[in-house]
C-alpha atoms as a PDB file:
ATOM      1  CA  MET A   1     139.077 116.206-175.306  1.00  0.00           C
ATOM      2  CA  THR A   2     138.101 119.517-177.526  1.00  0.00           C
ATOM      3  CA  ASP A   3     141.936 120.917-179.242  1.00  0.00           C
ATOM      4  CA  ALA A   4     142.630 124.226-179.117  1.00  0.00           C
ATOM      5  CA  ALA A   5     142.990 124.645-183.284  1.00  0.00           C
ATOM      6  CA  SER A   6     139.645 123.324-183.628  1.00  0.00           C
ATOM      7  CA  ILE A   7     138.374 125.687-180.639  1.00  0.00           C
ATOM      8  CA  SER A   8     140.158 128.536-182.502  1.00  0.00           C
ATOM      9  CA  ALA A   9     137.993 127.939-185.596  1.00  0.00           C
ATOM     10  CA  ARG A  10     134.751 128.990-184.130  1.00  0.00           C
ATOM     11  CA  ARG A  11     134.290 131.123-181.176  1.00  0.00           C
ATOM     12  CA  PRO A  12     135.263 129.491-178.225  1.00  0.00           C
ATOM     13  CA  ARG A  13     132.236 129.482-175.041  1.00  0.00           C
ATOM     14  CA  GLN A  14     132.600 128.402-171.608  1.00  0.00           C
ATOM     15  CA  ALA A  15     131.879 124.886-172.204  1.00  0.00           C
ATOM     16  CA  ASP A  16     135.314 124.893-173.983  1.00  0.00           C
ATOM     17  CA  ILE A  17     136.730 126.452-170.756  1.00  0.00           C
ATOM     18  CA  ALA A  18     135.245 123.791-168.703  1.00  0.00           C
ATOM     19  CA  GLU A  19     136.463 120.599-170.620  1.00  0.00           C
ATOM     20  CA  ARG A  20     139.903 121.739-170.657  1.00  0.00           C
ATOM     21  CA  ALA A  21     140.235 122.623-167.370  1.00  0.00           C
ATOM     22  CA  GLY A  22     137.917 119.525-165.756  1.00  0.00           C
ATOM     23  CA  VAL A  23     135.548 121.389-163.714  1.00  0.00           C
ATOM     24  CA  SER A  24     131.524 122.515-164.095  1.00  0.00           C
ATOM     25  CA  ILE A  25     130.343 124.869-166.390  1.00  0.00           C
ATOM     26  CA  SER A  26     129.045 126.614-163.216  1.00  0.00           C
ATOM     27  CA  THR A  27     132.701 126.705-162.015  1.00  0.00           C
ATOM     28  CA  VAL A  28     133.652 128.747-165.182  1.00  0.00           C
ATOM     29  CA  SER A  29     130.758 131.040-165.149  1.00  0.00           C
ATOM     30  CA  ARG A  30     131.444 131.672-161.255  1.00  0.00           C
ATOM     31  CA  VAL A  31     135.099 132.339-162.082  1.00  0.00           C
ATOM     32  CA  LEU A  32     134.626 134.643-164.818  1.00  0.00           C
ATOM     33  CA  ALA A  33     131.722 136.256-162.950  1.00  0.00           C
ATOM     34  CA  ASN A  34     134.509 136.929-160.295  1.00  0.00           C
ATOM     35  CA  GLU A  35     132.158 135.206-157.293  1.00  0.00           C
ATOM     36  CA  PRO A  36     133.584 134.240-154.258  1.00  0.00           C
ATOM     37  CA  GLY A  37     133.923 130.620-152.957  1.00  0.00           C
ATOM     38  CA  ILE A  38     136.206 129.721-155.529  1.00  0.00           C
ATOM     39  CA  SER A  39     139.878 128.409-154.790  1.00  0.00           C
ATOM     40  CA  ASP A  40     142.622 130.288-155.900  1.00  0.00           C
ATOM     41  CA  SER A  41     144.502 127.662-157.599  1.00  0.00           C
ATOM     42  CA  VAL A  42     140.920 126.945-159.394  1.00  0.00           C
ATOM     43  CA  ARG A  43     140.492 130.526-160.350  1.00  0.00           C
ATOM     44  CA  ARG A  44     144.164 130.491-161.738  1.00  0.00           C
ATOM     45  CA  HIS A  45     143.435 127.914-163.779  1.00  0.00           C
ATOM     46  CA  VAL A  46     140.221 128.176-165.266  1.00  0.00           C
ATOM     47  CA  LEU A  47     141.664 132.001-166.231  1.00  0.00           C
ATOM     48  CA  GLU A  48     144.735 130.507-167.669  1.00  0.00           C
ATOM     49  CA  VAL A  49     142.906 128.051-170.086  1.00  0.00           C
ATOM     50  CA  ALA A  50     140.630 130.895-170.944  1.00  0.00           C
ATOM     51  CA  GLU A  51     143.270 132.979-172.514  1.00  0.00           C
ATOM     52  CA  GLU A  52     144.904 129.783-173.921  1.00  0.00           C
ATOM     53  CA  ILE A  53     141.318 129.324-175.868  1.00  0.00           C
ATOM     54  CA  GLY A  54     141.088 132.950-176.485  1.00  0.00           C
ATOM     55  CA  TYR A  55     137.959 133.805-174.929  1.00  0.00           C
ATOM     56  CA  LEU A  56     139.402 136.523-172.938  1.00  0.00           C
ATOM     57  CA  ALA A  57     140.403 138.026-175.723  1.00  0.00           C
ATOM     58  CA  ARG A  58     137.382 137.390-177.810  1.00  0.00           C
ATOM     59  CA  ARG A  59     135.759 138.708-174.590  1.00  0.00           C
ATOM     60  CA  GLN A  60     137.829 142.049-174.840  1.00  0.00           C
ATOM     61  CA  ALA A  61     137.416 142.304-178.045  1.00  0.00           C
ATOM     62  CA  SER A  62     133.982 142.459-177.789  1.00  0.00           C
ATOM     63  CA  GLY A  63     133.632 145.756-175.908  1.00  0.00           C
ATOM     64  CA  PRO A  64     133.667 146.758-172.534  1.00  0.00           C
ATOM     65  CA  GLY A  65     131.649 144.268-170.486  1.00  0.00           C
ATOM     66  CA  HIS A  66     128.789 144.732-167.545  1.00  0.00           C
ATOM     67  CA  GLN A  67     129.274 142.700-164.914  1.00  0.00           C
ATOM     68  CA  LEU A  68     125.125 141.467-164.087  1.00  0.00           C
ATOM     69  CA  VAL A  69     123.425 139.663-161.746  1.00  0.00           C
ATOM     70  CA  ALA A  70     120.454 137.484-162.273  1.00  0.00           C
ATOM     71  CA  LEU A  71     118.057 136.673-159.142  1.00  0.00           C
ATOM     72  CA  VAL A  72     115.762 133.598-159.368  1.00  0.00           C
ATOM     73  CA  HIS A  73     113.202 132.736-157.665  1.00  0.00           C
ATOM     74  CA  ALA A  74     114.373 129.837-155.337  1.00  0.00           C
ATOM     75  CA  VAL A  75     111.349 127.783-154.530  1.00  0.00           C
ATOM     76  CA  GLN A  76     110.088 127.995-158.522  1.00  0.00           C
ATOM     77  CA  ALA A  77     113.609 127.332-159.875  1.00  0.00           C
ATOM     78  CA  THR A  78     114.739 124.244-157.320  1.00  0.00           C
ATOM     79  CA  ALA A  79     111.133 122.517-157.282  1.00  0.00           C
ATOM     80  CA  ASP A  80     107.876 122.340-159.539  1.00  0.00           C
ATOM     81  CA  LEU A  81     108.956 124.946-162.216  1.00  0.00           C
ATOM     82  CA  SER A  82     112.934 124.052-162.627  1.00  0.00           C
ATOM     83  CA  SER A  83     112.801 122.709-165.964  1.00  0.00           C
ATOM     84  CA  PHE A  84     110.817 126.104-167.376  1.00  0.00           C
ATOM     85  CA  TYR A  85     113.409 128.413-165.439  1.00  0.00           C
ATOM     86  CA  ASP A  86     116.510 126.044-166.726  1.00  0.00           C
ATOM     87  CA  GLY A  87     115.244 127.370-170.161  1.00  0.00           C
ATOM     88  CA  VAL A  88     114.824 130.994-169.495  1.00  0.00           C
ATOM     89  CA  LEU A  89     118.468 131.266-167.823  1.00  0.00           C
ATOM     90  CA  ARG A  90     120.109 128.436-170.453  1.00  0.00           C
ATOM     91  CA  GLY A  91     119.049 131.569-172.866  1.00  0.00           C
ATOM     92  CA  LEU A  92     119.825 134.303-170.772  1.00  0.00           C
ATOM     93  CA  ARG A  93     123.490 132.574-169.939  1.00  0.00           C
ATOM     94  CA  GLU A  94     124.627 132.075-173.851  1.00  0.00           C
ATOM     95  CA  ALA A  95     123.128 135.865-174.527  1.00  0.00           C
ATOM     96  CA  ALA A  96     125.150 136.773-171.625  1.00  0.00           C
ATOM     97  CA  GLU A  97     128.437 135.206-172.650  1.00  0.00           C
ATOM     98  CA  ASP A  98     127.910 136.117-176.470  1.00  0.00           C
ATOM     99  CA  ALA A  99     127.950 139.134-175.188  1.00  0.00           C
ATOM    100  CA  GLY A 100     130.947 139.563-173.260  1.00  0.00           C
ATOM    101  CA  MET A 101     128.810 140.422-170.016  1.00  0.00           C
ATOM    102  CA  PRO A 102     129.690 138.164-166.955  1.00  0.00           C
ATOM    103  CA  LEU A 103     126.881 137.118-165.347  1.00  0.00           C
ATOM    104  CA  ALA A 104     126.129 135.412-161.833  1.00  0.00           C
ATOM    105  CA  VAL A 105     122.799 133.571-160.910  1.00  0.00           C
ATOM    106  CA  ARG A 106     121.470 133.278-157.553  1.00  0.00           C
ATOM    107  CA  LEU A 107     118.753 132.207-156.018  1.00  0.00           C
ATOM    108  CA  THR A 108     116.508 134.658-153.694  1.00  0.00           C
ATOM    109  CA  TYR A 109     112.671 134.757-152.117  1.00  0.00           C
ATOM    110  CA  ALA A 110     110.024 136.821-152.298  1.00  0.00           C
ATOM    111  CA  ASP A 111     110.628 137.981-149.057  1.00  0.00           C
ATOM    112  CA  ALA A 112     113.885 139.117-149.441  1.00  0.00           C
ATOM    113  CA  ILE A 113     113.709 141.495-152.351  1.00  0.00           C
ATOM    114  CA  THR A 114     114.751 144.406-150.238  1.00  0.00           C
ATOM    115  CA  ARG A 115     117.133 147.475-150.715  1.00  0.00           C
ATOM    116  CA  GLU A 116     119.488 145.701-148.448  1.00  0.00           C
ATOM    117  CA  GLU A 117     119.321 142.926-149.648  1.00  0.00           C
ATOM    118  CA  LEU A 118     119.313 143.598-153.682  1.00  0.00           C
ATOM    119  CA  GLU A 119     122.541 146.004-152.597  1.00  0.00           C
ATOM    120  CA  ARG A 120     124.166 142.833-151.279  1.00  0.00           C
ATOM    121  CA  HIS A 121     124.079 140.400-154.272  1.00  0.00           C
ATOM    122  CA  LEU A 122     125.114 144.267-156.465  1.00  0.00           C
ATOM    123  CA  ALA A 123     128.267 144.333-154.438  1.00  0.00           C
ATOM    124  CA  GLU A 124     129.207 140.677-154.372  1.00  0.00           C
ATOM    125  CA  ALA A 125     128.846 140.308-157.679  1.00  0.00           C
ATOM    126  CA  GLY A 126     130.381 143.941-158.402  1.00  0.00           C
ATOM    127  CA  ALA A 127     126.901 144.424-161.073  1.00  0.00           C
ATOM    128  CA  GLY A 128     125.678 147.366-162.715  1.00  0.00           C
ATOM    129  CA  GLY A 129     122.778 145.121-164.132  1.00  0.00           C
ATOM    130  CA  LEU A 130     120.082 142.852-162.474  1.00  0.00           C
ATOM    131  CA  PHE A 131     117.729 140.829-163.788  1.00  0.00           C
ATOM    132  CA  LEU A 132     114.274 139.597-161.915  1.00  0.00           C
ATOM    133  CA  VAL A 133     113.464 136.087-162.778  1.00  0.00           C
ATOM    134  CA  GLY A 134     110.273 135.203-161.570  1.00  0.00           C
ATOM    135  CA  VAL A 135     110.467 138.000-158.599  1.00  0.00           C
ATOM    136  CA  ASP A 136     108.234 140.927-158.318  1.00  0.00           C
ATOM    137  CA  ALA A 137     109.797 144.045-156.735  1.00  0.00           C
ATOM    138  CA  PRO A 138     107.842 145.419-153.691  1.00  0.00           C
ATOM    139  CA  GLU A 139     106.506 149.134-154.119  1.00  0.00           C
ATOM    140  CA  THR A 140     109.617 150.067-151.857  1.00  0.00           C
ATOM    141  CA  THR A 141     112.400 147.919-153.678  1.00  0.00           C
ATOM    142  CA  GLY A 142     110.966 149.140-156.471  1.00  0.00           C
ATOM    143  CA  ARG A 143     111.106 152.918-155.910  1.00  0.00           C
ATOM    144  CA  TRP A 144     114.600 153.012-154.470  1.00  0.00           C
ATOM    145  CA  LEU A 145     116.000 150.831-157.809  1.00  0.00           C
ATOM    146  CA  ARG A 146     114.430 153.561-159.843  1.00  0.00           C
ATOM    147  CA  GLU A 147     115.523 155.949-157.775  1.00  0.00           C
ATOM    148  CA  ALA A 148     119.339 155.015-157.883  1.00  0.00           C
ATOM    149  CA  GLY A 149     119.291 154.455-161.752  1.00  0.00           C
ATOM    150  CA  ILE A 150     120.086 150.444-161.412  1.00  0.00           C
ATOM    151  CA  PRO A 151     119.264 149.129-164.874  1.00  0.00           C
ATOM    152  CA  VAL A 152     116.756 146.311-164.259  1.00  0.00           C
ATOM    153  CA  VAL A 153     114.810 143.302-165.997  1.00  0.00           C
ATOM    154  CA  LEU A 154     112.237 141.369-164.934  1.00  0.00           C
ATOM    155  CA  VAL A 155     111.927 138.415-166.375  1.00  0.00           C
ATOM    156  CA  ASN A 156     108.878 136.195-166.800  1.00  0.00           C
ATOM    157  CA  GLY A 157     107.949 139.218-165.068  1.00  0.00           C
ATOM    158  CA  ALA A 158     105.329 142.544-165.741  1.00  0.00           C
ATOM    159  CA  ASP A 159     105.511 145.917-164.422  1.00  0.00           C
ATOM    160  CA  PRO A 160     101.366 147.145-164.621  1.00  0.00           C
ATOM    161  CA  GLY A 161     103.607 150.573-164.214  1.00  0.00           C
ATOM    162  CA  LEU A 162     106.008 149.997-166.782  1.00  0.00           C
ATOM    163  CA  THR A 163     108.730 151.833-165.180  1.00  0.00           C
ATOM    164  CA  PHE A 164     110.958 148.926-165.536  1.00  0.00           C
ATOM    165  CA  ASP A 165     111.865 146.721-168.647  1.00  0.00           C
ATOM    166  CA  CYS A 166     110.230 143.358-168.824  1.00  0.00           C
ATOM    167  CA  VAL A 167     110.299 140.169-170.822  1.00  0.00           C
ATOM    168  CA  SER A 168     107.206 137.530-170.502  1.00  0.00           C
ATOM    169  CA  PRO A 169     105.168 134.923-172.465  1.00  0.00           C
ATOM    170  CA  SER A 170     102.112 136.774-173.904  1.00  0.00           C
ATOM    171  CA  ASN A 171     100.072 135.750-171.083  1.00  0.00           C
ATOM    172  CA  PHE A 172      96.832 137.327-172.012  1.00  0.00           C
ATOM    173  CA  TYR A 173      97.048 136.351-175.237  1.00  0.00           C
ATOM    174  CA  GLY A 174      98.192 132.736-174.364  1.00  0.00           C
ATOM    175  CA  ALA A 175      95.606 132.677-172.277  1.00  0.00           C
ATOM    176  CA  ARG A 176      92.656 133.445-174.664  1.00  0.00           C
ATOM    177  CA  GLN A 177      94.182 131.537-177.093  1.00  0.00           C
ATOM    178  CA  ALA A 178      93.961 128.430-175.036  1.00  0.00           C
ATOM    179  CA  THR A 179      90.460 128.983-174.461  1.00  0.00           C
ATOM    180  CA  GLU A 180      89.129 129.598-177.631  1.00  0.00           C
ATOM    181  CA  ILE A 181      90.941 125.918-178.266  1.00  0.00           C
ATOM    182  CA  LEU A 182      88.551 124.115-175.799  1.00  0.00           C
ATOM    183  CA  LEU A 183      85.882 126.523-176.923  1.00  0.00           C
ATOM    184  CA  ALA A 184      86.429 125.592-180.480  1.00  0.00           C
ATOM    185  CA  ALA A 185      86.383 121.932-179.720  1.00  0.00           C
ATOM    186  CA  GLY A 186      82.513 122.746-178.169  1.00  0.00           C
ATOM    187  CA  HIS A 187      83.013 123.201-174.517  1.00  0.00           C
ATOM    188  CA  ARG A 188      80.496 125.685-172.788  1.00  0.00           C
ATOM    189  CA  ARG A 189      81.431 124.890-169.474  1.00  0.00           C
ATOM    190  CA  LEU A 190      85.006 125.646-168.676  1.00  0.00           C
ATOM    191  CA  ALA A 191      87.064 126.087-165.322  1.00  0.00           C
ATOM    192  CA  TYR A 192      90.348 127.837-164.834  1.00  0.00           C
ATOM    193  CA  LEU A 193      92.759 126.849-162.029  1.00  0.00           C
ATOM    194  CA  THR A 194      94.942 129.826-161.415  1.00  0.00           C
ATOM    195  CA  ARG A 195      96.305 131.900-159.071  1.00  0.00           C
ATOM    196  CA  SER A 196      96.066 135.552-158.648  1.00  0.00           C
ATOM    197  CA  VAL A 197      99.600 136.797-156.560  1.00  0.00           C
ATOM    198  CA  ARG A 198     101.181 138.574-159.996  1.00  0.00           C
ATOM    199  CA  PRO A 199     100.302 140.567-162.431  1.00  0.00           C
ATOM    200  CA  THR A 200     101.363 137.840-165.263  1.00  0.00           C
ATOM    201  CA  LEU A 201      98.681 135.405-163.709  1.00  0.00           C
ATOM    202  CA  ARG A 202      95.975 138.453-163.844  1.00  0.00           C
ATOM    203  CA  GLU A 203      96.798 139.037-167.685  1.00  0.00           C
ATOM    204  CA  ARG A 204      95.795 134.845-167.851  1.00  0.00           C
ATOM    205  CA  ILE A 205      92.717 135.936-165.834  1.00  0.00           C
ATOM    206  CA  ARG A 206      91.804 138.531-168.199  1.00  0.00           C
ATOM    207  CA  GLY A 207      92.615 136.464-171.088  1.00  0.00           C
ATOM    208  CA  PHE A 208      90.282 133.529-170.263  1.00  0.00           C
ATOM    209  CA  GLU A 209      87.081 136.160-169.484  1.00  0.00           C
ATOM    210  CA  ALA A 210      88.225 137.876-172.469  1.00  0.00           C
ATOM    211  CA  ALA A 211      87.502 134.492-174.585  1.00  0.00           C
ATOM    212  CA  ILE A 212      84.447 133.446-172.334  1.00  0.00           C
ATOM    213  CA  ALA A 213      82.948 136.844-172.932  1.00  0.00           C
ATOM    214  CA  ALA A 214      83.234 136.495-176.283  1.00  0.00           C
ATOM    215  CA  THR A 215      81.459 133.468-176.913  1.00  0.00           C
ATOM    216  CA  PRO A 216      77.344 133.059-176.757  1.00  0.00           C
ATOM    217  CA  GLY A 217      76.452 130.474-173.860  1.00  0.00           C
ATOM    218  CA  ALA A 218      79.754 130.159-172.348  1.00  0.00           C
ATOM    219  CA  ARG A 219      80.216 129.766-168.744  1.00  0.00           C
ATOM    220  CA  GLY A 220      83.758 130.087-167.260  1.00  0.00           C
ATOM    221  CA  THR A 221      84.690 129.573-163.463  1.00  0.00           C
ATOM    222  CA  VAL A 222      88.219 131.044-162.283  1.00  0.00           C
ATOM    223  CA  VAL A 223      89.572 128.671-159.390  1.00  0.00           C
ATOM    224  CA  GLU A 224      91.945 130.070-157.079  1.00  0.00           C
ATOM    225  CA  LEU A 225      94.141 127.011-156.371  1.00  0.00           C
ATOM    226  CA  LYS A 226      94.610 125.789-152.942  1.00  0.00           C
ATOM    227  CA  GLN A 227      97.630 127.990-150.659  1.00  0.00           C
ATOM    228  CA  GLY A 228      99.862 126.040-149.047  1.00  0.00           C
ATOM    229  CA  GLU A 229     100.833 123.710-151.918  1.00  0.00           C
ATOM    230  CA  THR A 230     102.632 123.622-154.743  1.00  0.00           C
ATOM    231  CA  GLY A 231     102.509 121.986-158.912  1.00  0.00           C
ATOM    232  CA  LEU A 232     101.133 118.171-158.834  1.00  0.00           C
ATOM    233  CA  GLN A 233      99.405 117.938-155.511  1.00  0.00           C
ATOM    234  CA  GLU A 234      98.178 121.156-155.543  1.00  0.00           C
ATOM    235  CA  GLY A 235      96.230 120.478-158.911  1.00  0.00           C
ATOM    236  CA  ILE A 236      95.266 117.437-157.573  1.00  0.00           C
ATOM    237  CA  ASN A 237      93.821 118.766-154.555  1.00  0.00           C
ATOM    238  CA  THR A 238      91.854 121.307-156.229  1.00  0.00           C
ATOM    239  CA  MET A 239      90.269 119.132-158.679  1.00  0.00           C
ATOM    240  CA  LYS A 240      89.474 116.569-155.860  1.00  0.00           C
ATOM    241  CA  THR A 241      87.110 119.139-154.084  1.00  0.00           C
ATOM    242  CA  LEU A 242      85.576 120.609-157.723  1.00  0.00           C
ATOM    243  CA  ILE A 243      84.715 116.903-158.327  1.00  0.00           C
ATOM    244  CA  ALA A 244      83.342 116.716-154.743  1.00  0.00           C
ATOM    245  CA  GLU A 245      81.095 119.527-154.840  1.00  0.00           C
ATOM    246  CA  GLY A 246      79.733 118.170-158.258  1.00  0.00           C
ATOM    247  CA  THR A 247      81.265 120.344-160.637  1.00  0.00           C
ATOM    248  CA  ASP A 248      79.530 120.322-163.993  1.00  0.00           C
ATOM    249  CA  VAL A 249      82.446 121.391-166.459  1.00  0.00           C
ATOM    250  CA  THR A 250      84.060 119.697-169.573  1.00  0.00           C
ATOM    251  CA  ALA A 251      86.963 121.175-170.090  1.00  0.00           C
ATOM    252  CA  VAL A 252      89.975 122.398-167.668  1.00  0.00           C
ATOM    253  CA  LEU A 253      92.596 125.059-168.399  1.00  0.00           C
ATOM    254  CA  CYS A 254      95.415 125.346-165.670  1.00  0.00           C
ATOM    255  CA  LEU A 255      98.057 128.027-164.822  1.00  0.00           C
ATOM    256  CA  ASN A 256     100.782 124.943-165.921  1.00  0.00           C
ATOM    257  CA  ASP A 257     101.126 121.835-167.022  1.00  0.00           C
ATOM    258  CA  LEU A 258     102.059 120.218-163.763  1.00  0.00           C
ATOM    259  CA  ILE A 259      99.049 121.730-162.188  1.00  0.00           C
ATOM    260  CA  ALA A 260      97.213 120.075-165.496  1.00  0.00           C
ATOM    261  CA  VAL A 261      98.901 116.647-164.831  1.00  0.00           C
ATOM    262  CA  GLY A 262      97.556 116.461-161.565  1.00  0.00           C
ATOM    263  CA  ALA A 263      93.371 117.650-162.145  1.00  0.00           C
ATOM    264  CA  MET A 264      93.812 115.222-164.864  1.00  0.00           C
ATOM    265  CA  GLU A 265      94.999 112.596-162.365  1.00  0.00           C
ATOM    266  CA  ALA A 266      92.645 113.230-160.011  1.00  0.00           C
ATOM    267  CA  ALA A 267      89.810 113.250-162.601  1.00  0.00           C
ATOM    268  CA  GLN A 268      90.637 109.937-163.757  1.00  0.00           C
ATOM    269  CA  ARG A 269      90.563 108.427-160.297  1.00  0.00           C
ATOM    270  CA  ALA A 270      87.337 109.931-159.338  1.00  0.00           C
ATOM    271  CA  GLY A 271      86.342 107.693-162.445  1.00  0.00           C
ATOM    272  CA  ARG A 272      85.955 110.751-164.599  1.00  0.00           C
ATOM    273  CA  ARG A 273      87.192 110.201-168.903  1.00  0.00           C
ATOM    274  CA  VAL A 274      89.920 112.066-170.210  1.00  0.00           C
ATOM    275  CA  PRO A 275      89.214 113.631-172.647  1.00  0.00           C
ATOM    276  CA  ASP A 276      85.716 111.752-173.538  1.00  0.00           C
ATOM    277  CA  ASP A 277      83.996 113.035-170.073  1.00  0.00           C
ATOM    278  CA  ILE A 278      86.270 116.181-169.264  1.00  0.00           C
ATOM    279  CA  SER A 279      89.076 118.129-171.293  1.00  0.00           C
ATOM    280  CA  PHE A 280      91.918 119.252-170.080  1.00  0.00           C
ATOM    281  CA  MET A 281      94.910 121.828-171.584  1.00  0.00           C
ATOM    282  CA  GLY A 282      98.027 123.163-169.558  1.00  0.00           C
ATOM    283  CA  PHE A 283     100.077 126.370-170.360  1.00  0.00           C
ATOM    284  CA  ASP A 284     104.182 126.631-170.845  1.00  0.00           C
ATOM    285  CA  GLY A 285     105.040 123.339-172.564  1.00  0.00           C
ATOM    286  CA  LEU A 286     106.959 121.245-169.789  1.00  0.00           C
ATOM    287  CA  PRO A 287     108.565 117.918-170.052  1.00  0.00           C
ATOM    288  CA  CYS A 288     105.170 116.350-168.130  1.00  0.00           C
ATOM    289  CA  ALA A 289     102.669 117.310-170.815  1.00  0.00           C
ATOM    290  CA  ALA A 290     104.470 114.426-173.061  1.00  0.00           C
ATOM    291  CA  MET A 291     104.954 112.275-170.354  1.00  0.00           C
ATOM    292  CA  ALA A 292     100.994 112.532-169.059  1.00  0.00           C
ATOM    293  CA  SER A 293      98.380 109.651-170.230  1.00  0.00           C
ATOM    294  CA  PRO A 294      96.847 110.667-172.255  1.00  0.00           C
ATOM    295  CA  ARG A 295      99.389 113.620-174.036  1.00  0.00           C
ATOM    296  CA  LEU A 296      98.407 116.877-172.502  1.00  0.00           C
ATOM    297  CA  ALA A 297      97.570 119.709-174.606  1.00  0.00           C
ATOM    298  CA  THR A 298      99.197 122.715-173.127  1.00  0.00           C
ATOM    299  CA  MET A 299     100.754 126.302-174.684  1.00  0.00           C
ATOM    300  CA  ASP A 300     104.473 126.045-175.636  1.00  0.00           C
ATOM    301  CA  VAL A 301     106.181 128.759-174.067  1.00  0.00           C
ATOM    302  CA  PRO A 302     109.696 130.158-175.857  1.00  0.00           C
ATOM    303  CA  ARG A 303     111.672 129.854-172.111  1.00  0.00           C
ATOM    304  CA  GLU A 304     115.475 130.516-173.958  1.00  0.00           C
ATOM    305  CA  LYS A 305     114.225 132.849-176.474  1.00  0.00           C
ATOM    306  CA  LEU A 306     112.803 135.057-172.897  1.00  0.00           C
ATOM    307  CA  GLY A 307     116.134 134.832-171.456  1.00  0.00           C
ATOM    308  CA  ARG A 308     117.866 135.936-174.739  1.00  0.00           C
ATOM    309  CA  GLU A 309     115.170 138.724-174.718  1.00  0.00           C
ATOM    310  CA  ALA A 310     116.442 140.104-171.393  1.00  0.00           C
ATOM    311  CA  LEU A 311     119.774 139.990-172.261  1.00  0.00           C
ATOM    312  CA  ALA A 312     118.949 142.222-175.172  1.00  0.00           C
ATOM    313  CA  LEU A 313     116.616 144.602-173.158  1.00  0.00           C
ATOM    314  CA  MET A 314     119.730 145.214-170.591  1.00  0.00           C
ATOM    315  CA  GLN A 315     122.124 145.784-173.132  1.00  0.00           C
ATOM    316  CA  ALA A 316     119.833 148.982-174.358  1.00  0.00           C
ATOM    317  CA  ARG A 317     119.094 149.530-171.508  1.00  0.00           C
ATOM    318  CA  LEU A 318     122.484 149.944-170.469  1.00  0.00           C
ATOM    319  CA  ALA A 319     123.149 151.794-174.118  1.00  0.00           C
ATOM    320  CA  SER A 320     120.367 154.643-173.385  1.00  0.00           C
ATOM    321  CA  PRO A 321     119.819 154.592-169.804  1.00  0.00           C
ATOM    322  CA  HIS A 322     116.975 156.759-169.976  1.00  0.00           C
ATOM    323  CA  GLU A 323     114.716 155.715-172.821  1.00  0.00           C
ATOM    324  CA  PRO A 324     111.075 154.818-171.687  1.00  0.00           C
ATOM    325  CA  ALA A 325     110.875 151.027-170.253  1.00  0.00           C
ATOM    326  CA  ARG A 326     109.973 148.417-172.969  1.00  0.00           C
ATOM    327  CA  GLN A 327     107.843 145.576-172.325  1.00  0.00           C
ATOM    328  CA  VAL A 328     108.719 142.658-174.370  1.00  0.00           C
ATOM    329  CA  GLN A 329     106.124 140.053-175.076  1.00  0.00           C
ATOM    330  CA  LEU A 330     106.480 136.528-176.775  1.00  0.00           C
ATOM    331  CA  ALA A 331     103.928 134.506-178.289  1.00  0.00           C
ATOM    332  CA  VAL A 332     103.126 131.036-177.388  1.00  0.00           C
ATOM    333  CA  ARG A 333     101.832 128.302-179.651  1.00  0.00           C
ATOM    334  CA  PRO A 334      99.356 125.387-179.201  1.00  0.00           C
ATOM    335  CA  GLN A 335     100.601 121.743-178.643  1.00  0.00           C
ATOM    336  CA  ALA A 336      98.079 118.982-179.660  1.00  0.00           C
ATOM    337  CA  GLY A 337      97.381 116.702-177.067  1.00  0.00           C
ATOM    338  CA  GLY A 338      95.079 113.854-175.980  1.00  0.00           C
ATOM    339  CA  SER A 339      93.463 115.245-173.452  1.00  0.00           C
ATOM    340  CA  LEU A 340      91.638 117.375-175.282  1.00  0.00           C
ATOM    341  CA  ALA A 341      88.369 116.415-177.423  1.00  0.00           C
ATOM    342  CA  PRO A 342      84.596 117.805-177.928  1.00  0.00           C
ATOM    343  CA  PRO A 343      82.366 117.368-175.262  1.00  0.00           C
ATOM    344  CA  GLY A 344      80.984 113.678-174.991  1.00  0.00           C
ATOM    345  CA  SER A 345      83.287 112.655-177.645  1.00  0.00           C
END
């Protein structure tokens, strides 16, 4: 166990409280955010330990904190893209902790982003700032948030009207760069497996199409992924359909790594050699990319940095409520993999 002397020599963190109190970091976070569902005895014990190691004093010394709440897309954060959102939330939590701003994290669903639901979450957390993580507010809800003056940051999201602060990967430039990598390898018949339901995803489609349009002789096909499926199986079934229809593409870019791994698996089952007959490229830099055979070429998204930038946007918004909204885009970087080679290699 870490002793109090060693903790006092550095800035105490929630992990130190959790270790000394014998509880999880999640429990510590919920106590410090004053969330319900924690017994009085556990709450008192955690707060006593936090005071003992100097955590509360540090937080008070950093200035008046603001209660914040983050609503996270439940389906994605608990299934296909859990590793993606784990990274985003890790960065957001650490930045909020360093700033002395209690953060409550809650799951939500796309059809639950209503005024009534948001009011409930804000009231329960006692929050004066809201992060929407991986979800887009309907126009009516967005209008209420603006009229109510509630500080909002869209995380891994975009607002086409730029009325809310938002942070996201560079979706247009990232997809364009990924497509240019495939084109530079000599591919001229490409497909992009994607959805178009969110503004961020439509930006990637634009990036793909821009790279195709700038390359003489290139042909790009945007393939809408099958509805009612997610992740790996979605990639498998969509690619099976393309092969059954006699597709002649030599390279496939995918919305994310899970879909790319599934599509690559379907191609291999159908007797296509990867990358000799067909190349694949993903997006997001998820752990599954390194586990695929061959290793999946992808575009790495700085997930923790997304969370930290979201907190910085919230701090700026709380300090200057009437400033114009800002959109922050973080560059994505290519990761090499054995799934990509020149056509016919």
